[in-house]
Protein backbone atom coordinates (compact mmCIF):
# COMPACT_ATOMS: atom_id res chain seq x y z
CA UNK A 1 0.00 0.00 0.00
CA UNK A 2 2.88 2.35 0.78
CA UNK A 3 4.16 1.90 -2.77
CA UNK A 4 0.72 2.43 -4.32
CA UNK A 5 -0.32 5.60 -2.47
CA UNK A 6 2.31 7.92 -4.03
CA UNK A 7 0.96 7.06 -7.49
CA UNK A 8 -2.21 8.98 -6.64
CA UNK A 9 -0.14 12.10 -5.94
CA UNK A 10 0.92 12.06 -9.58
CA UNK A 11 -2.35 10.92 -11.21
CA UNK A 12 -4.30 13.49 -9.19
CA UNK A 13 -1.65 16.21 -9.34
CA UNK A 14 -3.24 19.72 -9.27
CA UNK A 15 -2.04 20.36 -12.80
CA UNK A 16 -4.46 17.72 -14.16
CA UNK A 17 -7.55 18.59 -12.10
CA UNK A 18 -8.79 21.30 -14.49
CA UNK A 19 -8.69 18.77 -17.31
CA UNK A 20 -10.64 16.21 -15.25
CA UNK A 21 -13.27 18.82 -14.32
CA UNK A 22 -13.66 19.86 -17.96
CA UNK A 23 -13.98 16.26 -19.16
CA UNK A 24 -16.66 15.57 -16.55
CA UNK A 25 -18.53 18.75 -17.48
CA UNK A 26 -18.47 18.11 -21.23
CA UNK A 27 -19.44 14.46 -20.79
CA UNK A 28 -22.57 15.26 -18.76
CA UNK A 29 -23.58 18.18 -20.98
CA UNK A 30 -23.03 16.08 -24.06
CA UNK A 31 -26.14 17.30 -25.92
CA UNK A 32 -25.26 20.99 -25.52
CA UNK A 33 -21.92 21.09 -27.33
CA UNK A 34 -20.78 19.78 -30.70
CA UNK A 35 -17.85 17.37 -30.91
CA UNK A 36 -15.74 20.09 -32.53
CA UNK A 37 -16.46 22.51 -29.69
CA UNK A 38 -15.63 19.88 -27.07
CA UNK A 39 -12.22 19.26 -28.65
CA UNK A 40 -11.63 22.99 -28.89
CA UNK A 41 -12.37 23.48 -25.18
CA UNK A 42 -10.24 20.49 -24.14
CA UNK A 43 -7.29 21.71 -26.23
CA UNK A 44 -7.55 25.14 -24.61
CA UNK A 45 -7.53 23.63 -21.12
CA UNK A 46 -4.68 21.27 -22.05
CA UNK A 47 -2.54 24.13 -23.37
CA UNK A 48 -3.36 26.76 -20.72
CA UNK A 49 -3.55 24.60 -17.60
CA UNK A 50 -1.18 21.73 -18.38
CA UNK A 51 1.36 22.48 -21.10
CA UNK A 52 2.10 26.12 -20.13
CA UNK A 53 2.61 25.29 -16.41
CA UNK A 54 4.84 22.30 -17.30
CA UNK A 55 7.00 24.43 -19.60
CA UNK A 56 7.17 27.15 -16.95
CA UNK A 57 8.12 24.55 -14.34
CA UNK A 58 10.96 23.30 -16.56
CA UNK A 59 12.16 26.89 -16.89
CA UNK A 60 12.04 27.42 -13.11
CA UNK A 61 13.81 24.11 -12.48
CA UNK A 62 16.57 24.93 -14.95
CA UNK A 63 17.16 28.24 -13.19
CA UNK A 64 17.13 26.61 -9.74
CA UNK A 65 13.92 28.25 -8.48
CA UNK A 66 12.19 24.89 -7.86
CA UNK A 67 13.51 21.42 -7.08
CA UNK A 68 10.55 19.17 -7.93
CA UNK A 69 7.10 19.34 -9.47
CA UNK A 70 5.61 18.81 -6.01
CA UNK A 71 6.85 22.27 -4.88
CA UNK A 72 7.70 20.90 -1.45
CA UNK A 73 9.27 24.14 -0.18
CA UNK A 74 7.01 27.09 0.64
CA UNK A 75 9.43 29.49 -1.04
CA UNK A 76 9.09 27.59 -4.34
CA UNK A 77 5.36 28.21 -4.57
CA UNK A 78 5.11 31.98 -5.05
CA UNK A 79 5.95 32.24 -8.77
CA UNK A 80 3.95 29.14 -9.89
CA UNK A 81 0.88 30.29 -7.93
CA UNK A 82 1.06 33.80 -9.40
CA UNK A 83 1.33 32.26 -12.88
CA UNK A 84 -1.65 30.01 -12.13
CA UNK A 85 -3.71 33.05 -11.12
CA UNK A 86 -3.01 34.70 -14.47
CA UNK A 87 -3.86 31.50 -16.35
CA UNK A 88 -7.20 31.19 -14.53
CA UNK A 89 -7.97 34.85 -15.28
CA UNK A 90 -7.21 34.20 -18.95
CA UNK A 91 -9.57 31.23 -18.93
CA UNK A 92 -12.55 32.96 -17.31
CA UNK A 93 -12.10 36.17 -19.32
CA UNK A 94 -11.39 34.74 -22.77
CA UNK A 95 -12.13 31.02 -23.02
CA UNK A 96 -14.54 29.58 -20.46
CA UNK A 97 -16.99 32.49 -20.53
CA UNK A 98 -20.07 32.64 -18.34
CA UNK A 99 -22.50 32.99 -21.25
CA UNK A 100 -21.45 29.69 -22.83
CA UNK A 101 -20.07 27.54 -19.98
CA UNK A 102 -21.64 28.97 -16.80
CA UNK A 103 -20.97 26.06 -14.43
CA UNK A 104 -17.41 25.51 -15.62
CA UNK A 105 -16.80 29.28 -15.56
CA UNK A 106 -17.65 29.41 -11.85
CA UNK A 107 -15.52 26.33 -11.19
CA UNK A 108 -12.47 28.12 -12.61
CA UNK A 109 -13.41 31.37 -10.89
CA UNK A 110 -13.54 29.52 -7.55
CA UNK A 111 -10.24 27.80 -8.43
CA UNK A 112 -8.76 31.28 -8.99
CA UNK A 113 -9.84 32.35 -5.49
CA UNK A 114 -8.47 29.11 -4.03
CA UNK A 115 -5.13 29.84 -5.72
CA UNK A 116 -5.14 33.37 -4.31
CA UNK A 117 -5.81 31.97 -0.82
CA UNK A 118 -2.97 29.46 -1.26
CA UNK A 119 -0.73 32.38 -2.29
CA UNK A 120 -1.77 34.31 0.83
CA UNK A 121 -0.82 31.24 2.90
CA UNK A 122 2.64 31.31 1.27
CA UNK A 123 3.04 34.99 2.19
CA UNK A 124 2.39 34.00 5.81
CA UNK A 125 4.92 31.15 5.52
CA UNK A 126 2.16 28.55 5.64
CA UNK A 127 2.04 25.64 3.23
CA UNK A 128 -1.42 24.47 2.16
CA UNK A 129 -1.63 21.13 0.39
CA UNK A 130 -2.23 22.07 -3.25
CA UNK A 131 -3.26 18.48 -3.95
CA UNK A 132 -6.06 18.82 -1.41
CA UNK A 133 -7.01 22.25 -2.73
CA UNK A 134 -7.44 20.75 -6.20
CA UNK A 135 -9.15 17.44 -5.41
CA UNK A 136 -11.55 18.95 -2.84
CA UNK A 137 -12.49 21.73 -5.28
CA UNK A 138 -13.20 19.13 -7.97
CA UNK A 139 -15.28 17.10 -5.52
CA UNK A 140 -17.54 20.06 -4.65
CA UNK A 141 -17.89 20.93 -8.35
CA UNK A 142 -18.96 17.37 -9.25
CA UNK A 143 -21.42 17.24 -6.34
CA UNK A 144 -22.87 20.60 -7.42
CA UNK A 145 -23.11 19.52 -11.06
CA UNK A 146 -24.76 16.26 -9.98
CA UNK A 147 -27.46 18.26 -8.19
CA UNK A 148 -27.74 20.98 -10.86
CA UNK A 149 -28.19 18.58 -13.79
CA UNK A 150 -30.31 16.21 -11.68
CA UNK A 151 -28.06 13.29 -12.56
CA UNK A 152 -29.07 11.27 -9.49
CA UNK A 153 -25.69 9.57 -9.70
CA UNK A 154 -24.14 9.04 -6.24
CA UNK A 155 -21.13 7.15 -7.58
CA UNK A 156 -19.03 10.05 -8.87
CA UNK A 157 -19.33 12.13 -5.65
CA UNK A 158 -18.63 9.02 -3.57
CA UNK A 159 -15.58 8.14 -5.70
CA UNK A 160 -14.17 11.66 -5.43
CA UNK A 161 -14.67 11.77 -1.66
CA UNK A 162 -12.82 8.45 -1.48
CA UNK A 163 -10.05 9.79 -3.77
CA UNK A 164 -9.76 12.90 -1.58
CA UNK A 165 -9.05 10.64 1.37
CA UNK A 166 -6.55 8.61 -0.66
CA UNK A 167 -4.76 11.79 -1.82
CA UNK A 168 -4.58 13.03 1.78
CA UNK A 169 -3.13 9.68 2.88
CA UNK A 170 -0.70 9.77 -0.03
CA UNK A 171 0.61 13.22 0.90
CA UNK A 172 1.02 12.18 4.52
CA UNK A 173 2.71 8.91 3.53
CA UNK A 174 5.19 10.82 1.35
CA UNK A 175 5.88 13.22 4.25
CA UNK A 176 4.96 16.05 1.87
CA UNK A 177 2.54 17.63 4.35
CA UNK A 178 1.46 17.63 7.96
CA UNK A 179 -2.15 16.99 8.97
CA UNK A 180 -2.55 20.75 9.51
CA UNK A 181 -1.42 21.51 5.96
CA UNK A 182 -3.83 18.89 4.61
CA UNK A 183 -6.73 20.51 6.50
CA UNK A 184 -5.74 23.99 5.33
CA UNK A 185 -5.68 22.72 1.75
CA UNK A 186 -9.09 21.11 2.22
CA UNK A 187 -10.55 24.38 3.52
CA UNK A 188 -8.93 26.50 0.78
CA UNK A 189 -10.26 24.14 -1.91
CA UNK A 190 -13.80 23.74 -0.58
CA UNK A 191 -14.81 27.23 0.58
CA UNK A 192 -14.57 29.18 -2.72
CA UNK A 193 -16.34 26.36 -4.59
CA UNK A 194 -19.16 26.35 -2.02
CA UNK A 195 -19.51 30.14 -2.18
CA UNK A 196 -19.70 30.21 -5.98
CA UNK A 197 -22.00 27.20 -5.97
CA UNK A 198 -24.84 29.51 -4.90
CA UNK A 199 -24.42 31.51 -8.11
CA UNK A 200 -25.09 28.62 -10.47
CA UNK A 201 -26.73 25.79 -8.54
């Protein structure tokens, strides 16, 4: 089990969560969007929220600003979090607009506020678990979408709650975070999503 748990830290790395949320959203609103539009949205998310951060990470690593993709040191988090804020702003302003993708728009808007809160934690020398921020935010979004679209599907929310627990265990097993940092990450991920849930639920 100790060898398996760290795998979840990579599969459910924060960098991939936006892609998972978008896939879930497009799958359950299948009749609203054309296949061409779905691919267009997915490519945008892939470029903006996966490829750009990875390239930026490689740049930071080559210049010695970060040591690993897990950003284990608090001091390593400032620049990547600021970049992530700008990328989320780009998404909600130009790509995932409220008129076309309202639910997904508010998911990314809440993710932006979660990132800002994580950045504030860094300024106060506190490390929130970014894995927990991401997976807990996704969990609330899926629960909200399940209610909003009247899917009556308890399996996805249950699976994501289970995965949240597995991710928390994984981060603790890898000694990447303390229990306090896990709880801070959970709070930072959940609260903005819950607040914005009232605007679209």
